Amino acid sequence: MSSDRLSATFAALADPTRRAILAHLAKGEASVTELAKPFDMSLPAISKHLKVLERAGLIVRGREAQWRPCRINAEALKDVDEWLEQYRQFWEESFDRLDDYLHELQTQEKQDGQQE
């Protein structure tokens, strides 16, 4: 994945309204009107958010007569997940080392307590 595309994806995800729209679309496709219902903003404002999500590749918009359903594009989120995987591994390894260290301290405390 190119860094420009990843930057566009993270920029799109930085906005809470766009994250809420994605959460709604994770449940299934929806129209612009349906997506706008929970927000106190105009349809043109929601459309602007949708364009940002679409440019980032996070959603696709179809055309069925007068209805333009929006769908989440999970492939773009898969790219983010793959990028985050390296950091997930770092934290898991760090927590494993911390767990080992805590176990070592507990073992030492038990041994010190038995020697008293």
PDB file of N, CA and C in Angstrom:
ATOM      1  N   MET A   1       0.848  -1.176   0.000  1.00  0.00           N
ATOM      2  CA  MET A   1       0.000   0.000   0.000  1.00  0.00           C
ATOM      3  C   MET A   1       0.890   1.234   0.000  1.00  0.00           C
ATOM      4  N   SER A   2       0.595   2.197  -0.847  1.00  0.00           N
ATOM      5  CA  SER A   2       1.413   3.399  -0.901  1.00  0.00           C
ATOM      6  C   SER A   2       1.148   4.258   0.323  1.00  0.00           C
ATOM      7  N   SER A   3       2.174   5.030   0.697  1.00  0.00           N
ATOM      8  CA  SER A   3       2.024   5.873   1.886  1.00  0.00           C
ATOM      9  C   SER A   3       0.990   6.973   1.642  1.00  0.00           C
ATOM     10  N   ASP A   4       0.850   7.446   0.381  1.00  0.00           N
ATOM     11  CA  ASP A   4      -0.168   8.460   0.090  1.00  0.00           C
ATOM     12  C   ASP A   4      -1.567   7.912   0.336  1.00  0.00           C
ATOM     13  N   ARG A   5      -1.791   6.686  -0.082  1.00  0.00           N
ATOM     14  CA  ARG A   5      -3.111   6.086   0.126  1.00  0.00           C
ATOM     15  C   ARG A   5      -3.365   5.857   1.617  1.00  0.00           C
ATOM     16  N   LEU A   6      -2.336   5.419   2.312  1.00  0.00           N
ATOM     17  CA  LEU A   6      -2.465   5.215   3.755  1.00  0.00           C
ATOM     18  C   LEU A   6      -2.730   6.551   4.451  1.00  0.00           C
ATOM     19  N   SER A   7      -2.066   7.607   4.017  1.00  0.00           N
ATOM     20  CA  SER A   7      -2.307   8.938   4.596  1.00  0.00           C
ATOM     21  C   SER A   7      -3.739   9.387   4.342  1.00  0.00           C
ATOM     22  N   ALA A   8      -4.243   9.156   3.147  1.00  0.00           N
ATOM     23  CA  ALA A   8      -5.630   9.528   2.826  1.00  0.00           C
ATOM     24  C   ALA A   8      -6.605   8.723   3.686  1.00  0.00           C
ATOM     25  N   THR A   9      -6.294   7.463   3.906  1.00  0.00           N
ATOM     26  CA  THR A   9      -7.161   6.618   4.732  1.00  0.00           C
ATOM     27  C   THR A   9      -7.198   7.124   6.167  1.00  0.00           C
ATOM     28  N   PHE A  10      -6.018   7.391   6.738  1.00  0.00           N
ATOM     29  CA  PHE A  10      -5.985   7.878   8.116  1.00  0.00           C
ATOM     30  C   PHE A  10      -6.599   9.267   8.235  1.00  0.00           C
ATOM     31  N   ALA A  11      -6.417  10.116   7.235  1.00  0.00           N
ATOM     32  CA  ALA A  11      -7.044  11.446   7.259  1.00  0.00           C
ATOM     33  C   ALA A  11      -8.567  11.306   7.255  1.00  0.00           C
ATOM     34  N   ALA A  12      -9.076  10.380   6.466  1.00  0.00           N
ATOM     35  CA  ALA A  12     -10.524  10.154   6.420  1.00  0.00           C
ATOM     36  C   ALA A  12     -11.023   9.605   7.757  1.00  0.00           C
ATOM     37  N   LEU A  13     -10.248   8.743   8.378  1.00  0.00           N
ATOM     38  CA  LEU A  13     -10.651   8.137   9.651  1.00  0.00           C
ATOM     39  C   LEU A  13     -10.491   9.087  10.836  1.00  0.00           C
ATOM     40  N   ALA A  14      -9.788  10.196  10.627  1.00  0.00           N
ATOM     41  CA  ALA A  14      -9.546  11.134  11.729  1.00  0.00           C
ATOM     42  C   ALA A  14     -10.812  11.855  12.182  1.00  0.00           C
ATOM     43  N   ASP A  15     -11.809  11.904  11.333  1.00  0.00           N
ATOM     44  CA  ASP A  15     -13.032  12.638  11.655  1.00  0.00           C
ATOM     45  C   ASP A  15     -14.066  11.714  12.303  1.00  0.00           C
ATOM     46  N   PRO A  16     -14.614  12.090  13.463  1.00  0.00           N
ATOM     47  CA  PRO A  16     -15.586  11.224  14.147  1.00  0.00           C
ATOM     48  C   PRO A  16     -16.869  10.990  13.344  1.00  0.00           C
ATOM     49  N   THR A  17     -17.291  11.975  12.562  1.00  0.00           N
ATOM     50  CA  THR A  17     -18.492  11.778  11.740  1.00  0.00           C
ATOM     51  C   THR A  17     -18.244  10.691  10.705  1.00  0.00           C
ATOM     52  N   ARG A  18     -17.086  10.720  10.078  1.00  0.00           N
ATOM     53  CA  ARG A  18     -16.772   9.704   9.066  1.00  0.00           C
ATOM     54  C   ARG A  18     -16.622   8.322   9.698  1.00  0.00           C
ATOM     55  N   ARG A  19     -16.051   8.266  10.896  1.00  0.00           N
ATOM     56  CA  ARG A  19     -15.964   6.964  11.584  1.00  0.00           C
ATOM     57  C   ARG A  19     -17.361   6.441  11.910  1.00  0.00           C
ATOM     58  N   ALA A  20     -18.258   7.335  12.312  1.00  0.00           N
ATOM     59  CA  ALA A  20     -19.639   6.918  12.606  1.00  0.00           C
ATOM     60  C   ALA A  20     -20.341   6.438  11.335  1.00  0.00           C
ATOM     61  N   ILE A  21     -20.087   7.110  10.229  1.00  0.00           N
ATOM     62  CA  ILE A  21     -20.664   6.674   8.950  1.00  0.00           C
ATOM     63  C   ILE A  21     -20.156   5.279   8.605  1.00  0.00           C
ATOM     64  N   LEU A  22     -18.856   5.039   8.771  1.00  0.00           N
ATOM     65  CA  LEU A  22     -18.309   3.699   8.497  1.00  0.00           C
ATOM     66  C   LEU A  22     -18.920   2.651   9.416  1.00  0.00           C
ATOM     67  N   ALA A  23     -19.116   2.999  10.680  1.00  0.00           N
ATOM     68  CA  ALA A  23     -19.733   2.051  11.619  1.00  0.00           C
ATOM     69  C   ALA A  23     -21.144   1.702  11.160  1.00  0.00           C
ATOM     70  N   HIS A  24     -21.868   2.677  10.664  1.00  0.00           N
ATOM     71  CA  HIS A  24     -23.220   2.428  10.149  1.00  0.00           C
ATOM     72  C   HIS A  24     -23.148   1.520   8.924  1.00  0.00           C
ATOM     73  N   LEU A  25     -22.210   1.805   8.029  1.00  0.00           N
ATOM     74  CA  LEU A  25     -22.095   1.006   6.798  1.00  0.00           C
ATOM     75  C   LEU A  25     -21.577  -0.403   7.061  1.00  0.00           C
ATOM     76  N   ALA A  26     -20.921  -0.598   8.188  1.00  0.00           N
ATOM     77  CA  ALA A  26     -20.464  -1.949   8.535  1.00  0.00           C
ATOM     78  C   ALA A  26     -21.654  -2.885   8.753  1.00  0.00           C
ATOM     79  N   LYS A  27     -22.830  -2.299   9.022  1.00  0.00           N
ATOM     80  CA  LYS A  27     -24.049  -3.091   9.224  1.00  0.00           C
ATOM     81  C   LYS A  27     -24.770  -3.380   7.905  1.00  0.00           C
ATOM     82  N   GLY A  28     -24.344  -2.696   6.831  1.00  0.00           N
ATOM     83  CA  GLY A  28     -24.979  -2.889   5.535  1.00  0.00           C
ATOM     84  C   GLY A  28     -25.060  -1.589   4.771  1.00  0.00           C
ATOM     85  N   GLU A  29     -25.357  -1.701   3.494  1.00  0.00           N
ATOM     86  CA  GLU A  29     -25.403  -0.500   2.666  1.00  0.00           C
ATOM     87  C   GLU A  29     -26.532   0.430   3.088  1.00  0.00           C
ATOM     88  N   ALA A  30     -26.354   1.716   2.746  1.00  0.00           N
ATOM     89  CA  ALA A  30     -27.339   2.722   3.146  1.00  0.00           C
ATOM     90  C   ALA A  30     -27.300   3.884   2.164  1.00  0.00           C
ATOM     91  N   SER A  31     -28.397   4.611   2.116  1.00  0.00           N
ATOM     92  CA  SER A  31     -28.479   5.802   1.272  1.00  0.00           C
ATOM     93  C   SER A  31     -27.888   6.993   2.027  1.00  0.00           C
ATOM     94  N   VAL A  32     -27.644   8.074   1.304  1.00  0.00           N
ATOM     95  CA  VAL A  32     -27.146   9.301   1.925  1.00  0.00           C
ATOM     96  C   VAL A  32     -28.142   9.793   2.971  1.00  0.00           C
ATOM     97  N   THR A  33     -29.427   9.731   2.661  1.00  0.00           N
ATOM     98  CA  THR A  33     -30.469  10.177   3.593  1.00  0.00           C
ATOM     99  C   THR A  33     -30.427   9.345   4.877  1.00  0.00           C
ATOM    100  N   GLU A  34     -30.289   8.035   4.738  1.00  0.00           N
ATOM    101  CA  GLU A  34     -30.213   7.163   5.925  1.00  0.00           C
ATOM    102  C   GLU A  34     -28.970   7.476   6.751  1.00  0.00           C
ATOM    103  N   LEU A  35     -27.868   7.734   6.069  1.00  0.00           N
ATOM    104  CA  LEU A  35     -26.623   8.035   6.779  1.00  0.00           C
ATOM    105  C   LEU A  35     -26.690   9.380   7.496  1.00  0.00           C
ATOM    106  N   ALA A  36     -27.459  10.309   6.948  1.00  0.00           N
ATOM    107  CA  ALA A  36     -27.550  11.658   7.528  1.00  0.00           C
ATOM    108  C   ALA A  36     -28.438  11.717   8.765  1.00  0.00           C
ATOM    109  N   LYS A  37     -29.356  10.771   8.928  1.00  0.00           N
ATOM    110  CA  LYS A  37     -30.354  10.828  10.012  1.00  0.00           C
ATOM    111  C   LYS A  37     -29.759  11.097  11.400  1.00  0.00           C
ATOM    112  N   PRO A  38     -28.711  10.380  11.827  1.00  0.00           N
ATOM    113  CA  PRO A  38     -28.246  10.604  13.208  1.00  0.00           C
ATOM    114  C   PRO A  38     -27.457  11.899  13.415  1.00  0.00           C
ATOM    115  N   PHE A  39     -27.184  12.634  12.343  1.00  0.00           N
ATOM    116  CA  PHE A  39     -26.343  13.823  12.457  1.00  0.00           C
ATOM    117  C   PHE A  39     -27.157  15.102  12.283  1.00  0.00           C
ATOM    118  N   ASP A  40     -26.729  16.126  12.978  1.00  0.00           N
ATOM    119  CA  ASP A  40     -27.366  17.431  12.853  1.00  0.00           C
ATOM    120  C   ASP A  40     -26.597  18.230  11.801  1.00  0.00           C
ATOM    121  N   MET A  41     -26.694  17.774  10.542  1.00  0.00           N
ATOM    122  CA  MET A  41     -26.034  18.471   9.441  1.00  0.00           C
ATOM    123  C   MET A  41     -26.807  18.238   8.154  1.00  0.00           C
ATOM    124  N   SER A  42     -26.536  19.070   7.193  1.00  0.00           N
ATOM    125  CA  SER A  42     -27.267  19.023   5.927  1.00  0.00           C
ATOM    126  C   SER A  42     -26.823  17.828   5.074  1.00  0.00           C
ATOM    127  N   LEU A  43     -27.646  17.484   4.106  1.00  0.00           N
ATOM    128  CA  LEU A  43     -27.265  16.421   3.163  1.00  0.00           C
ATOM    129  C   LEU A  43     -25.993  16.783   2.385  1.00  0.00           C
ATOM    130  N   PRO A  44     -25.816  18.040   1.953  1.00  0.00           N
ATOM    131  CA  PRO A  44     -24.556  18.374   1.281  1.00  0.00           C
ATOM    132  C   PRO A  44     -23.328  18.170   2.181  1.00  0.00           C
ATOM    133  N   ALA A  45     -23.474  18.445   3.479  1.00  0.00           N
ATOM    134  CA  ALA A  45     -22.350  18.229   4.412  1.00  0.00           C
ATOM    135  C   ALA A  45     -22.039  16.740   4.530  1.00  0.00           C
ATOM    136  N   ILE A  46     -23.073  15.912   4.626  1.00  0.00           N
ATOM    137  CA  ILE A  46     -22.858  14.456   4.672  1.00  0.00           C
ATOM    138  C   ILE A  46     -22.215  13.991   3.363  1.00  0.00           C
ATOM    139  N   SER A  47     -22.672  14.539   2.251  1.00  0.00           N
ATOM    140  CA  SER A  47     -22.099  14.172   0.951  1.00  0.00           C
ATOM    141  C   SER A  47     -20.613  14.490   0.880  1.00  0.00           C
ATOM    142  N   LYS A  48     -20.207  15.586   1.491  1.00  0.00           N
ATOM    143  CA  LYS A  48     -18.779  15.933   1.516  1.00  0.00           C
ATOM    144  C   LYS A  48     -17.985  14.873   2.293  1.00  0.00           C
ATOM    145  N   HIS A  49     -18.548  14.451   3.418  1.00  0.00           N
ATOM    146  CA  HIS A  49     -17.896  13.391   4.200  1.00  0.00           C
ATOM    147  C   HIS A  49     -17.795  12.106   3.367  1.00  0.00           C
ATOM    148  N   LEU A  50     -18.861  11.787   2.653  1.00  0.00           N
ATOM    149  CA  LEU A  50     -18.865  10.580   1.827  1.00  0.00           C
ATOM    150  C   LEU A  50     -17.824  10.670   0.720  1.00  0.00           C
ATOM    151  N   LYS A  51     -17.642  11.844   0.151  1.00  0.00           N
ATOM    152  CA  LYS A  51     -16.629  12.011  -0.895  1.00  0.00           C
ATOM    153  C   LYS A  51     -15.225  11.778  -0.345  1.00  0.00           C
ATOM    154  N   VAL A  52     -14.970  12.243   0.875  1.00  0.00           N
ATOM    155  CA  VAL A  52     -13.662  12.000   1.506  1.00  0.00           C
ATOM    156  C   VAL A  52     -13.455  10.499   1.704  1.00  0.00           C
ATOM    157  N   LEU A  53     -14.484   9.823   2.214  1.00  0.00           N
ATOM    158  CA  LEU A  53     -14.396   8.372   2.425  1.00  0.00           C
ATOM    159  C   LEU A  53     -14.211   7.637   1.101  1.00  0.00           C
ATOM    160  N   GLU A  54     -14.889   8.105   0.077  1.00  0.00           N
ATOM    161  CA  GLU A  54     -14.800   7.469  -1.238  1.00  0.00           C
ATOM    162  C   GLU A  54     -13.406   7.672  -1.842  1.00  0.00           C
ATOM    163  N   ARG A  55     -12.881   8.887  -1.760  1.00  0.00           N
ATOM    164  CA  ARG A  55     -11.530   9.153  -2.285  1.00  0.00           C
ATOM    165  C   ARG A  55     -10.474   8.315  -1.566  1.00  0.00           C
ATOM    166  N   ALA A  56     -10.693   8.068  -0.284  1.00  0.00           N
ATOM    167  CA  ALA A  56      -9.759   7.246   0.493  1.00  0.00           C
ATOM    168  C   ALA A  56      -9.954   5.758   0.213  1.00  0.00           C
ATOM    169  N   GLY A  57     -10.976   5.419  -0.554  1.00  0.00           N
ATOM    170  CA  GLY A  57     -11.233   4.018  -0.881  1.00  0.00           C
ATOM    171  C   GLY A  57     -11.964   3.263   0.207  1.00  0.00           C
ATOM    172  N   LEU A  58     -12.469   3.963   1.214  1.00  0.00           N
ATOM    173  CA  LEU A  58     -13.138   3.298   2.332  1.00  0.00           C
ATOM    174  C   LEU A  58     -14.578   2.921   2.037  1.00  0.00           C
ATOM    175  N   ILE A  59     -15.193   3.619   1.085  1.00  0.00           N
ATOM    176  CA  ILE A  59     -16.552   3.268   0.673  1.00  0.00           C
ATOM    177  C   ILE A  59     -16.638   3.274  -0.843  1.00  0.00           C
ATOM    178  N   VAL A  60     -17.657   2.609  -1.342  1.00  0.00           N
ATOM    179  CA  VAL A  60     -17.993   2.665  -2.766  1.00  0.00           C
ATOM    180  C   VAL A  60     -19.459   3.064  -2.854  1.00  0.00           C
ATOM    181  N   ARG A  61     -19.772   3.799  -3.896  1.00  0.00           N
ATOM    182  CA  ARG A  61     -21.148   4.241  -4.096  1.00  0.00           C
ATOM    183  C   ARG A  61     -21.669   3.625  -5.375  1.00  0.00           C
ATOM    184  N   GLY A  62     -22.817   3.011  -5.263  1.00  0.00           N
ATOM    185  CA  GLY A  62     -23.453   2.382  -6.416  1.00  0.00           C
ATOM    186  C   GLY A  62     -24.492   3.293  -7.030  1.00  0.00           C
ATOM    187  N   ARG A  63     -25.120   2.774  -8.057  1.00  0.00           N
ATOM    188  CA  ARG A  63     -26.198   3.535  -8.673  1.00  0.00           C
ATOM    189  C   ARG A  63     -27.272   2.539  -9.080  1.00  0.00           C
ATOM    190  N   GLU A  64     -28.413   2.661  -8.432  1.00  0.00           N
ATOM    191  CA  GLU A  64     -29.563   1.819  -8.749  1.00  0.00           C
ATOM    192  C   GLU A  64     -30.752   2.751  -8.954  1.00  0.00           C
ATOM    193  N   ALA A  65     -31.038   3.091 -10.190  1.00  0.00           N
ATOM    194  CA  ALA A  65     -32.078   4.069 -10.541  1.00  0.00           C
ATOM    195  C   ALA A  65     -31.765   5.382  -9.833  1.00  0.00           C
ATOM    196  N   GLN A  66     -32.679   5.873  -9.006  1.00  0.00           N
ATOM    197  CA  GLN A  66     -32.451   7.123  -8.282  1.00  0.00           C
ATOM    198  C   GLN A  66     -31.716   6.923  -6.961  1.00  0.00           C
ATOM    199  N   TRP A  67     -31.547   5.680  -6.565  1.00  0.00           N
ATOM    200  CA  TRP A  67     -30.915   5.371  -5.278  1.00  0.00           C
ATOM    201  C   TRP A  67     -29.433   5.156  -5.483  1.00  0.00           C
ATOM    202  N   ARG A  68     -28.602   5.827  -4.685  1.00  0.00           N
ATOM    203  CA  ARG A  68     -27.156   5.660  -4.749  1.00  0.00           C
ATOM    204  C   ARG A  68     -26.675   5.066  -3.427  1.00  0.00           C
ATOM    205  N   PRO A  69     -26.767   3.752  -3.305  1.00  0.00           N
ATOM    206  CA  PRO A  69     -26.368   3.136  -2.030  1.00  0.00           C
ATOM    207  C   PRO A  69     -24.862   3.239  -1.792  1.00  0.00           C
ATOM    208  N   CYS A  70     -24.496   3.416  -0.546  1.00  0.00           N
ATOM    209  CA  CYS A  70     -23.093   3.443  -0.135  1.00  0.00           C
ATOM    210  C   CYS A  70     -22.782   2.119   0.554  1.00  0.00           C
ATOM    211  N   ARG A  71     -21.602   1.604   0.282  1.00  0.00           N
ATOM    212  CA  ARG A  71     -21.146   0.359   0.915  1.00  0.00           C
ATOM    213  C   ARG A  71     -19.735   0.554   1.429  1.00  0.00           C
ATOM    214  N   ILE A  72     -19.423  -0.110   2.511  1.00  0.00           N
ATOM    215  CA  ILE A  72     -18.060  -0.071   3.034  1.00  0.00           C
ATOM    216  C   ILE A  72     -17.165  -0.912   2.127  1.00  0.00           C
ATOM    217  N   ASN A  73     -15.948  -0.475   1.942  1.00  0.00           N
ATOM    218  CA  ASN A  73     -14.957  -1.229   1.173  1.00  0.00           C
ATOM    219  C   ASN A  73     -13.957  -1.801   2.175  1.00  0.00           C
ATOM    220  N   ALA A  74     -14.179  -3.027   2.575  1.00  0.00           N
ATOM    221  CA  ALA A  74     -13.363  -3.643   3.619  1.00  0.00           C
ATOM    222  C   ALA A  74     -11.901  -3.791   3.205  1.00  0.00           C
ATOM    223  N   GLU A  75     -11.633  -3.851   1.931  1.00  0.00           N
ATOM    224  CA  GLU A  75     -10.252  -4.010   1.461  1.00  0.00           C
ATOM    225  C   GLU A  75      -9.367  -2.862   1.951  1.00  0.00           C
ATOM    226  N   ALA A  76      -9.874  -1.640   1.930  1.00  0.00           N
ATOM    227  CA  ALA A  76      -9.098  -0.491   2.401  1.00  0.00           C
ATOM    228  C   ALA A  76      -8.795  -0.613   3.893  1.00  0.00           C
ATOM    229  N   LEU A  77      -9.741  -1.120   4.657  1.00  0.00           N
ATOM    230  CA  LEU A  77      -9.503  -1.320   6.082  1.00  0.00           C
ATOM    231  C   LEU A  77      -8.520  -2.455   6.322  1.00  0.00           C
ATOM    232  N   LYS A  78      -8.503  -3.414   5.437  1.00  0.00           N
ATOM    233  CA  LYS A  78      -7.535  -4.512   5.540  1.00  0.00           C
ATOM    234  C   LYS A  78      -6.118  -3.966   5.408  1.00  0.00           C
ATOM    235  N   ASP A  79      -5.935  -2.988   4.521  1.00  0.00           N
ATOM    236  CA  ASP A  79      -4.619  -2.367   4.353  1.00  0.00           C
ATOM    237  C   ASP A  79      -4.172  -1.677   5.641  1.00  0.00           C
ATOM    238  N   VAL A  80      -5.096  -0.996   6.307  1.00  0.00           N
ATOM    239  CA  VAL A  80      -4.780  -0.341   7.579  1.00  0.00           C
ATOM    240  C   VAL A  80      -4.424  -1.395   8.623  1.00  0.00           C
ATOM    241  N   ASP A  81      -5.194  -2.468   8.668  1.00  0.00           N
ATOM    242  CA  ASP A  81      -4.941  -3.539   9.624  1.00  0.00           C
ATOM    243  C   ASP A  81      -3.552  -4.145   9.406  1.00  0.00           C
ATOM    244  N   GLU A  82      -3.174  -4.339   8.156  1.00  0.00           N
ATOM    245  CA  GLU A  82      -1.848  -4.883   7.867  1.00  0.00           C
ATOM    246  C   GLU A  82      -0.752  -3.925   8.315  1.00  0.00           C
ATOM    247  N   TRP A  83      -0.966  -2.639   8.128  1.00  0.00           N
ATOM    248  CA  TRP A  83       0.016  -1.642   8.555  1.00  0.00           C
ATOM    249  C   TRP A  83       0.142  -1.647  10.080  1.00  0.00           C
ATOM    250  N   LEU A  84      -1.008  -1.763  10.762  1.00  0.00           N
ATOM    251  CA  LEU A  84      -1.006  -1.762  12.222  1.00  0.00           C
ATOM    252  C   LEU A  84      -0.432  -3.052  12.817  1.00  0.00           C
ATOM    253  N   GLU A  85      -0.416  -4.113  12.042  1.00  0.00           N
ATOM    254  CA  GLU A  85       0.048  -5.416  12.546  1.00  0.00           C
ATOM    255  C   GLU A  85       1.449  -5.338  13.135  1.00  0.00           C
ATOM    256  N   GLN A  86       2.342  -4.589  12.491  1.00  0.00           N
ATOM    257  CA  GLN A  86       3.710  -4.494  13.002  1.00  0.00           C
ATOM    258  C   GLN A  86       3.730  -3.881  14.402  1.00  0.00           C
ATOM    259  N   TYR A  87       2.845  -2.932  14.661  1.00  0.00           N
ATOM    260  CA  TYR A  87       2.776  -2.319  15.984  1.00  0.00           C
ATOM    261  C   TYR A  87       2.087  -3.233  16.972  1.00  0.00           C
ATOM    262  N   ARG A  88       1.125  -3.982  16.512  1.00  0.00           N
ATOM    263  CA  ARG A  88       0.452  -4.959  17.366  1.00  0.00           C
ATOM    264  C   ARG A  88       1.472  -5.992  17.848  1.00  0.00           C
ATOM    265  N   GLN A  89       2.312  -6.448  16.953  1.00  0.00           N
ATOM    266  CA  GLN A  89       3.349  -7.415  17.327  1.00  0.00           C
ATOM    267  C   GLN A  89       4.319  -6.807  18.344  1.00  0.00           C
ATOM    268  N   PHE A  90       4.703  -5.544  18.119  1.00  0.00           N
ATOM    269  CA  PHE A  90       5.595  -4.864  19.061  1.00  0.00           C
ATOM    270  C   PHE A  90       4.996  -4.858  20.458  1.00  0.00           C
ATOM    271  N   TRP A  91       3.702  -4.480  20.578  1.00  0.00           N
ATOM    272  CA  TRP A  91       3.070  -4.394  21.888  1.00  0.00           C
ATOM    273  C   TRP A  91       2.891  -5.766  22.512  1.00  0.00           C
ATOM    274  N   GLU A  92       2.556  -6.760  21.710  1.00  0.00           N
ATOM    275  CA  GLU A  92       2.417  -8.117  22.260  1.00  0.00           C
ATOM    276  C   GLU A  92       3.743  -8.611  22.819  1.00  0.00           C
ATOM    277  N   GLU A  93       4.822  -8.374  22.088  1.00  0.00           N
ATOM    278  CA  GLU A  93       6.149  -8.785  22.570  1.00  0.00           C
ATOM    279  C   GLU A  93       6.525  -8.016  23.830  1.00  0.00           C
ATOM    280  N   SER A  94       6.197  -6.729  23.873  1.00  0.00           N
ATOM    281  CA  SER A  94       6.488  -5.920  25.058  1.00  0.00           C
ATOM    282  C   SER A  94       5.712  -6.429  26.264  1.00  0.00           C
ATOM    283  N   PHE A  95       4.452  -6.742  26.080  1.00  0.00           N
ATOM    284  CA  PHE A  95       3.645  -7.270  27.181  1.00  0.00           C
ATOM    285  C   PHE A  95       4.130  -8.649  27.618  1.00  0.00           C
ATOM    286  N   ASP A  96       4.573  -9.458  26.670  1.00  0.00           N
ATOM    287  CA  ASP A  96       5.131 -10.773  27.027  1.00  0.00           C
ATOM    288  C   ASP A  96       6.378 -10.599  27.895  1.00  0.00           C
ATOM    289  N   ARG A  97       7.248  -9.653  27.534  1.00  0.00           N
ATOM    290  CA  ARG A  97       8.456  -9.397  28.327  1.00  0.00           C
ATOM    291  C   ARG A  97       8.076  -8.883  29.713  1.00  0.00           C
ATOM    292  N   LEU A  98       7.075  -8.003  29.774  1.00  0.00           N
ATOM    293  CA  LEU A  98       6.622  -7.481  31.066  1.00  0.00           C
ATOM    294  C   LEU A  98       6.046  -8.603  31.923  1.00  0.00           C
ATOM    295  N   ASP A  99       5.279  -9.484  31.306  1.00  0.00           N
ATOM    296  CA  ASP A  99       4.712 -10.625  32.025  1.00  0.00           C
ATOM    297  C   ASP A  99       5.822 -11.511  32.585  1.00  0.00           C
ATOM    298  N   ASP A 100       6.840 -11.766  31.769  1.00  0.00           N
ATOM    299  CA  ASP A 100       7.975 -12.577  32.233  1.00  0.00           C
ATOM    300  C   ASP A 100       8.673 -11.904  33.410  1.00  0.00           C
ATOM    301  N   TYR A 101       8.863 -10.588  33.316  1.00  0.00           N
ATOM    302  CA  TYR A 101       9.531  -9.848  34.384  1.00  0.00           C
ATOM    303  C   TYR A 101       8.708  -9.886  35.671  1.00  0.00           C
ATOM    304  N   LEU A 102       7.394  -9.689  35.563  1.00  0.00           N
ATOM    305  CA  LEU A 102       6.534  -9.733  36.748  1.00  0.00           C
ATOM    306  C   LEU A 102       6.538 -11.123  37.387  1.00  0.00           C
ATOM    307  N   HIS A 103       6.525 -12.132  36.551  1.00  0.00           N
ATOM    308  CA  HIS A 103       6.597 -13.505  37.072  1.00  0.00           C
ATOM    309  C   HIS A 103       7.919 -13.715  37.813  1.00  0.00           C
ATOM    310  N   GLU A 104       8.981 -13.197  37.266  1.00  0.00           N
ATOM    311  CA  GLU A 104      10.295 -13.303  37.898  1.00  0.00           C
ATOM    312  C   GLU A 104      10.299 -12.585  39.252  1.00  0.00           C
ATOM    313  N   LEU A 105       9.696 -11.392  39.318  1.00  0.00           N
ATOM    314  CA  LEU A 105       9.618 -10.653  40.579  1.00  0.00           C
ATOM    315  C   LEU A 105       8.792 -11.409  41.621  1.00  0.00           C
ATOM    316  N   GLN A 106       7.674 -11.998  41.181  1.00  0.00           N
ATOM    317  CA  GLN A 106       6.829 -12.754  42.110  1.00  0.00           C
ATOM    318  C   GLN A 106       7.573 -13.971  42.648  1.00  0.00           C
ATOM    319  N   THR A 107       8.295 -14.625  41.785  1.00  0.00           N
ATOM    320  CA  THR A 107       9.079 -15.789  42.206  1.00  0.00           C
ATOM    321  C   THR A 107      10.133 -15.367  43.214  1.00  0.00           C
ATOM    322  N   GLN A 108      10.789 -14.250  42.964  1.00  0.00           N
ATOM    323  CA  GLN A 108      11.816 -13.736  43.885  1.00  0.00           C
ATOM    324  C   GLN A 108      11.208 -13.353  45.223  1.00  0.00           C
ATOM    325  N   GLU A 109      10.022 -12.740  45.205  1.00  0.00           N
ATOM    326  CA  GLU A 109       9.343 -12.369  46.455  1.00  0.00           C
ATOM    327  C   GLU A 109       9.011 -13.591  47.281  1.00  0.00           C
ATOM    328  N   LYS A 110       8.543 -14.651  46.617  1.00  0.00           N
ATOM    329  CA  LYS A 110       8.202 -15.890  47.319  1.00  0.00           C
ATOM    330  C   LYS A 110       9.458 -16.485  47.954  1.00  0.00           C
ATOM    331  N   GLN A 111      10.555 -16.489  47.190  1.00  0.00           N
ATOM    332  CA  GLN A 111      11.799 -17.034  47.715  1.00  0.00           C
ATOM    333  C   GLN A 111      12.313 -16.204  48.880  1.00  0.00           C
ATOM    334  N   ASP A 112      12.207 -14.879  48.779  1.00  0.00           N
ATOM    335  CA  ASP A 112      12.649 -14.003  49.872  1.00  0.00           C
ATOM    336  C   ASP A 112      11.775 -14.211  51.103  1.00  0.00           C
ATOM    337  N   GLY A 113      10.473 -14.410  50.907  1.00  0.00           N
ATOM    338  CA  GLY A 113       9.559 -14.629  52.018  1.00  0.00           C
ATOM    339  C   GLY A 113       9.822 -15.937  52.732  1.00  0.00           C
ATOM    340  N   GLN A 114      10.243 -16.956  51.999  1.00  0.00           N
ATOM    341  CA  GLN A 114      10.525 -18.264  52.593  1.00  0.00           C
ATOM    342  C   GLN A 114      11.836 -18.235  53.360  1.00  0.00           C
ATOM    343  N   GLN A 115      12.749 -17.359  52.989  1.00  0.00           N
ATOM    344  CA  GLN A 115      14.047 -17.306  53.644  1.00  0.00           C
ATOM    345  C   GLN A 115      13.992 -16.561  54.977  1.00  0.00           C
ATOM    346  N   GLU A 116      12.948 -15.766  55.200  1.00  0.00           N
ATOM    347  CA  GLU A 116      12.866 -14.987  56.443  1.00  0.00           C
ATOM    348  C   GLU A 116      12.442 -15.799  57.606  1.00  0.00           C
TER     349      GLU A 116
END
